[in-house]
Amino acid sequence: MSDADDLDLRELDDEELVKQIQDDLYDGLKDEVAEGVNILLEREWEPYSILTTALVEGMRIVGVDFRDGILFVPEVLMSANAMKAGMNILRPLLAESNAPKMGKMVIGTVKGDIHDIGKNLVTMMMEGAGFEVIDIGINNPIENYLDALEEHQPDILGMSALLTTTMPYMKVVIDGMKERGIRDDYIVMVGGAPLNEQFSEAIGADAYCRDAAVAVDTAKQLMHRRHNQMAAAQ
């Protein structure tokens, strides 16, 4: 925020402050986002309400404009970092309050591939949408994925690849899940520049996500479908 604006966040009422946090998130102003979150906490807002009303809604707007080509990766990364500044304050408070989550995801780049910008963006956007995300990093062999699934028991497994030479490794992981009899226990989402819908279907994934905004929307849809299926089976 420029000095010319000279805006005192404490002078805003709650509705104005929430809107300002969303605007600052859009502009990638992490210090201002953190300040706004702290002010709402001082006003005795519930951490979960701050997360959903200010941060998640702010990142939803970012995601829409990213999907529509109004924002680009560098700008979205700035917004995601601003989101992280707010999340760093809220995360321990959310853990204490047992606030509901959209779901849990394990994500990592496959063996032989060290590209992580897309993965990191998905991680931050998913956290921004209220998911708990465990990022296992880059260059992951099948053992890393299977161990992470066993340890964290997520709803979703996300795999990323940027190289045409590494993308077939996603099938290795999915086949390994089938061998262990756990494939149907998880939603599998894949993404990366060289992938497409046909490849996703061929390797047995549940969804291909062309970018982080699509990943969030897809995850929400698949989680909703999964909950409905589980409810119907009971």
Protein backbone atom coordinates (compact mmCIF):
# COMPACT_ATOMS: atom_id res chain seq x y z
CA MET A 1 0.00 0.00 0.00
CA SER A 2 1.43 3.37 -0.96
CA ASP A 3 2.05 6.19 1.51
CA ALA A 4 -0.38 8.29 -0.51
CA ASP A 5 -3.20 6.00 0.53
CA ASP A 6 -2.31 6.52 4.19
CA LEU A 7 -5.13 4.17 5.18
CA ASP A 8 -5.50 3.29 8.85
CA LEU A 9 -7.06 -0.17 8.91
CA ARG A 10 -8.24 0.33 12.48
CA GLU A 11 -10.56 3.12 11.34
CA LEU A 12 -12.51 0.73 9.11
CA ASP A 13 -15.59 -1.09 10.34
CA ASP A 14 -15.62 -4.87 10.11
CA GLU A 15 -17.25 -5.05 6.67
CA GLU A 16 -14.87 -2.45 5.24
CA LEU A 17 -11.88 -4.19 6.81
CA VAL A 18 -12.80 -7.56 5.32
CA LYS A 19 -13.10 -5.94 1.89
CA GLN A 20 -9.74 -4.20 2.39
CA ILE A 21 -8.07 -7.49 3.35
CA GLN A 22 -9.44 -9.04 0.15
CA ASP A 23 -8.13 -6.09 -1.88
CA ASP A 24 -4.71 -6.27 -0.19
CA LEU A 25 -4.63 -10.02 -0.83
CA TYR A 26 -5.38 -9.40 -4.50
CA ASP A 27 -2.52 -6.87 -4.62
CA GLY A 28 -0.10 -9.22 -2.83
CA LEU A 29 0.40 -6.94 0.20
CA LYS A 30 1.33 -9.46 2.87
CA ASP A 31 2.08 -7.01 5.71
CA GLU A 32 -1.31 -5.35 5.28
CA VAL A 33 -3.09 -8.71 5.14
CA ALA A 34 -1.38 -9.80 8.37
CA GLU A 35 -2.32 -6.50 10.04
CA GLY A 36 -5.93 -6.84 8.97
CA VAL A 37 -6.13 -10.41 10.29
CA ASN A 38 -4.70 -9.32 13.64
CA ILE A 39 -7.22 -6.47 13.91
CA LEU A 40 -10.13 -8.85 13.29
CA LEU A 41 -8.75 -11.18 15.97
CA GLU A 42 -8.56 -8.23 18.37
CA ARG A 43 -12.23 -7.59 17.57
CA GLU A 44 -12.90 -11.17 18.71
CA TRP A 45 -13.63 -12.64 15.30
CA GLU A 46 -13.43 -16.42 15.20
CA PRO A 47 -10.31 -17.58 13.31
CA TYR A 48 -12.44 -19.76 11.03
CA SER A 49 -14.66 -16.79 10.12
CA ILE A 50 -11.59 -14.73 9.21
CA LEU A 51 -10.28 -17.60 7.09
CA THR A 52 -13.49 -18.11 5.15
CA THR A 53 -14.83 -14.55 4.93
CA ALA A 54 -11.62 -12.62 4.27
CA LEU A 55 -8.88 -14.96 3.05
CA VAL A 56 -10.69 -17.78 1.23
CA GLU A 57 -13.09 -15.36 -0.47
CA GLY A 58 -10.14 -13.12 -1.41
CA MET A 59 -8.28 -16.03 -2.96
CA ARG A 60 -11.45 -17.13 -4.76
CA ILE A 61 -11.48 -13.76 -6.51
CA VAL A 62 -7.79 -14.16 -7.36
CA GLY A 63 -8.49 -17.65 -8.70
CA VAL A 64 -11.30 -16.44 -10.94
CA ASP A 65 -9.15 -13.68 -12.46
CA PHE A 66 -6.24 -16.11 -12.88
CA ARG A 67 -8.52 -18.55 -14.70
CA ASP A 68 -9.85 -15.74 -16.91
CA GLY A 69 -6.38 -14.46 -17.85
CA ILE A 70 -6.64 -11.18 -15.93
CA LEU A 71 -3.93 -12.20 -13.45
CA PHE A 72 -0.80 -14.20 -14.27
CA VAL A 73 1.47 -16.54 -12.31
CA PRO A 74 3.80 -13.86 -10.80
CA GLU A 75 0.82 -11.88 -9.50
CA VAL A 76 -0.92 -14.97 -8.16
CA LEU A 77 2.26 -16.02 -6.36
CA MET A 78 2.32 -12.61 -4.67
CA SER A 79 -1.32 -13.05 -3.64
CA ALA A 80 -0.58 -16.55 -2.38
CA ASN A 81 2.33 -15.27 -0.30
CA ALA A 82 0.05 -12.61 1.17
CA MET A 83 -2.43 -15.38 1.94
CA LYS A 84 0.33 -17.30 3.66
CA ALA A 85 1.08 -14.31 5.90
CA GLY A 86 -2.52 -14.40 7.10
CA MET A 87 -2.53 -18.19 7.40
CA ASN A 88 0.62 -18.15 9.53
CA ILE A 89 -1.35 -16.19 12.12
CA LEU A 90 -4.53 -18.26 11.88
CA ARG A 91 -3.13 -21.78 11.50
CA PRO A 92 -2.27 -22.43 15.18
CA LEU A 93 -5.56 -20.87 16.26
CA LEU A 94 -7.51 -23.01 13.80
CA ALA A 95 -5.75 -26.13 15.11
CA GLU A 96 -6.78 -25.25 18.67
CA SER A 97 -10.38 -24.62 17.69
CA ASN A 98 -10.81 -27.83 15.66
CA ALA A 99 -12.23 -25.74 12.84
CA PRO A 100 -13.71 -27.70 9.93
CA LYS A 101 -11.57 -28.18 6.84
CA MET A 102 -12.51 -28.70 3.24
CA GLY A 103 -10.30 -31.78 3.18
CA LYS A 104 -6.69 -32.93 3.25
CA MET A 105 -4.26 -33.26 0.34
CA VAL A 106 -0.79 -34.74 -0.14
CA ILE A 107 1.03 -33.22 -3.11
CA GLY A 108 4.46 -33.66 -4.69
CA THR A 109 6.40 -33.54 -7.96
CA VAL A 110 7.27 -36.97 -9.39
CA LYS A 111 10.62 -38.72 -9.53
CA GLY A 112 13.13 -37.18 -11.95
CA ASP A 113 11.39 -33.79 -11.94
CA ILE A 114 12.56 -30.84 -9.84
CA HIS A 115 10.04 -28.23 -11.03
CA ASP A 116 7.91 -26.88 -8.23
CA ILE A 117 6.39 -23.49 -9.14
CA GLY A 118 3.11 -25.02 -10.31
CA LYS A 119 2.99 -27.39 -7.34
CA ASN A 120 3.69 -24.56 -4.91
CA LEU A 121 0.95 -22.47 -6.47
CA VAL A 122 -1.55 -25.31 -6.16
CA THR A 123 -0.49 -25.82 -2.54
CA MET A 124 -1.05 -22.19 -1.63
CA MET A 125 -4.32 -21.92 -3.55
CA MET A 126 -5.64 -25.11 -1.93
CA GLU A 127 -4.69 -23.81 1.52
CA GLY A 128 -6.38 -20.59 0.56
CA ALA A 129 -9.55 -22.56 -0.14
CA GLY A 130 -9.50 -24.16 3.31
CA PHE A 131 -7.71 -27.44 2.58
CA GLU A 132 -4.94 -28.87 4.73
CA VAL A 133 -2.01 -29.56 2.39
CA ILE A 134 1.08 -31.70 3.00
CA ASP A 135 3.71 -30.84 0.39
CA ILE A 136 6.29 -33.63 0.05
CA GLY A 137 8.46 -31.64 -2.35
CA ILE A 138 10.13 -32.61 -5.62
CA ASN A 139 11.72 -35.71 -7.21
CA ASN A 140 9.50 -38.17 -5.34
CA PRO A 141 9.80 -41.92 -5.93
CA ILE A 142 6.74 -44.08 -5.42
CA GLU A 143 7.78 -44.89 -1.83
CA ASN A 144 7.46 -41.23 -0.82
CA TYR A 145 3.90 -41.05 -2.07
CA LEU A 146 2.83 -44.34 -0.48
CA ASP A 147 4.47 -43.46 2.83
CA ALA A 148 2.81 -40.03 2.85
CA LEU A 149 -0.59 -41.58 2.14
CA GLU A 150 -0.15 -44.02 5.00
CA GLU A 151 1.10 -41.37 7.40
CA HIS A 152 -1.31 -38.54 6.65
CA GLN A 153 -4.43 -40.38 5.39
CA PRO A 154 -5.46 -37.54 3.02
CA ASP A 155 -8.55 -37.31 0.89
CA ILE A 156 -6.58 -36.29 -2.20
CA LEU A 157 -3.23 -37.20 -3.75
CA GLY A 158 -1.83 -34.58 -6.12
CA MET A 159 1.04 -35.29 -8.53
CA SER A 160 2.86 -32.74 -10.67
CA ALA A 161 5.25 -33.05 -13.63
CA LEU A 162 6.65 -30.52 -16.06
CA LEU A 163 8.71 -32.86 -18.25
CA THR A 164 7.35 -35.27 -20.83
CA THR A 165 9.99 -37.74 -19.65
CA THR A 166 8.72 -37.76 -16.05
CA MET A 167 4.95 -37.66 -16.52
CA PRO A 168 4.67 -41.46 -17.12
CA TYR A 169 5.90 -41.95 -13.54
CA MET A 170 2.46 -40.89 -12.36
CA LYS A 171 1.14 -44.21 -13.64
CA VAL A 172 3.82 -46.02 -11.65
CA VAL A 173 2.45 -44.44 -8.48
CA ILE A 174 -1.19 -45.17 -9.35
CA ASP A 175 -0.33 -48.79 -10.25
CA GLY A 176 1.47 -49.07 -6.90
CA MET A 177 -1.65 -47.86 -5.12
CA LYS A 178 -3.69 -50.48 -6.99
CA GLU A 179 -1.24 -53.23 -5.96
CA ARG A 180 -1.68 -52.23 -2.33
CA GLY A 181 -5.46 -52.16 -2.73
CA ILE A 182 -5.71 -48.51 -1.74
CA ARG A 183 -6.40 -46.80 -5.06
CA ASP A 184 -10.09 -46.30 -4.37
CA ASP A 185 -9.37 -44.77 -0.95
CA TYR A 186 -8.05 -41.55 -2.49
CA ILE A 187 -8.92 -38.95 -5.09
CA VAL A 188 -5.95 -38.66 -7.49
CA MET A 189 -5.41 -35.34 -9.25
CA VAL A 190 -2.58 -34.70 -11.72
CA GLY A 191 -1.23 -31.56 -13.36
CA GLY A 192 1.63 -30.02 -15.29
CA ALA A 193 2.26 -28.35 -18.63
CA PRO A 194 2.64 -31.47 -20.83
CA LEU A 195 -0.42 -33.28 -19.43
CA ASN A 196 -3.96 -33.36 -20.77
CA GLU A 197 -7.33 -34.99 -20.07
CA GLN A 198 -6.56 -38.01 -22.24
CA PHE A 199 -3.32 -38.74 -20.39
CA SER A 200 -5.08 -38.40 -17.04
CA GLU A 201 -7.72 -40.91 -18.07
CA ALA A 202 -5.14 -43.29 -19.55
CA ILE A 203 -3.14 -43.55 -16.31
CA GLY A 204 -6.23 -43.94 -14.13
CA ALA A 205 -6.27 -40.56 -12.37
CA ASP A 206 -9.54 -38.98 -11.25
CA ALA A 207 -8.84 -35.56 -12.72
CA TYR A 208 -6.43 -33.44 -14.75
CA CYS A 209 -6.04 -29.83 -13.60
CA ARG A 210 -4.53 -27.39 -16.05
CA ASP A 211 -3.76 -24.78 -13.39
CA ALA A 212 -4.10 -23.96 -9.69
CA ALA A 213 -7.52 -22.33 -9.99
CA VAL A 214 -8.92 -25.38 -11.76
CA ALA A 215 -7.31 -27.62 -9.12
CA VAL A 216 -9.22 -25.88 -6.35
CA ASP A 217 -12.56 -26.07 -8.17
CA THR A 218 -11.96 -29.71 -9.12
CA ALA A 219 -10.97 -30.68 -5.59
CA LYS A 220 -14.13 -29.12 -4.17
CA GLN A 221 -16.32 -30.90 -6.73
CA LEU A 222 -14.68 -34.29 -6.17
CA MET A 223 -14.83 -33.93 -2.38
CA HIS A 224 -18.55 -33.05 -2.59
CA ARG A 225 -19.18 -36.06 -4.86
CA ARG A 226 -17.23 -38.30 -2.50
CA HIS A 227 -19.23 -37.15 0.52
CA ASN A 228 -22.47 -37.81 -1.34
CA GLN A 229 -21.34 -41.30 -2.34
CA MET A 230 -20.30 -42.09 1.24
CA ALA A 231 -23.62 -40.84 2.57
CA ALA A 232 -25.54 -42.92 0.03
CA ALA A 233 -23.58 -46.03 0.98
CA GLN A 234 -24.50 -45.76 4.64
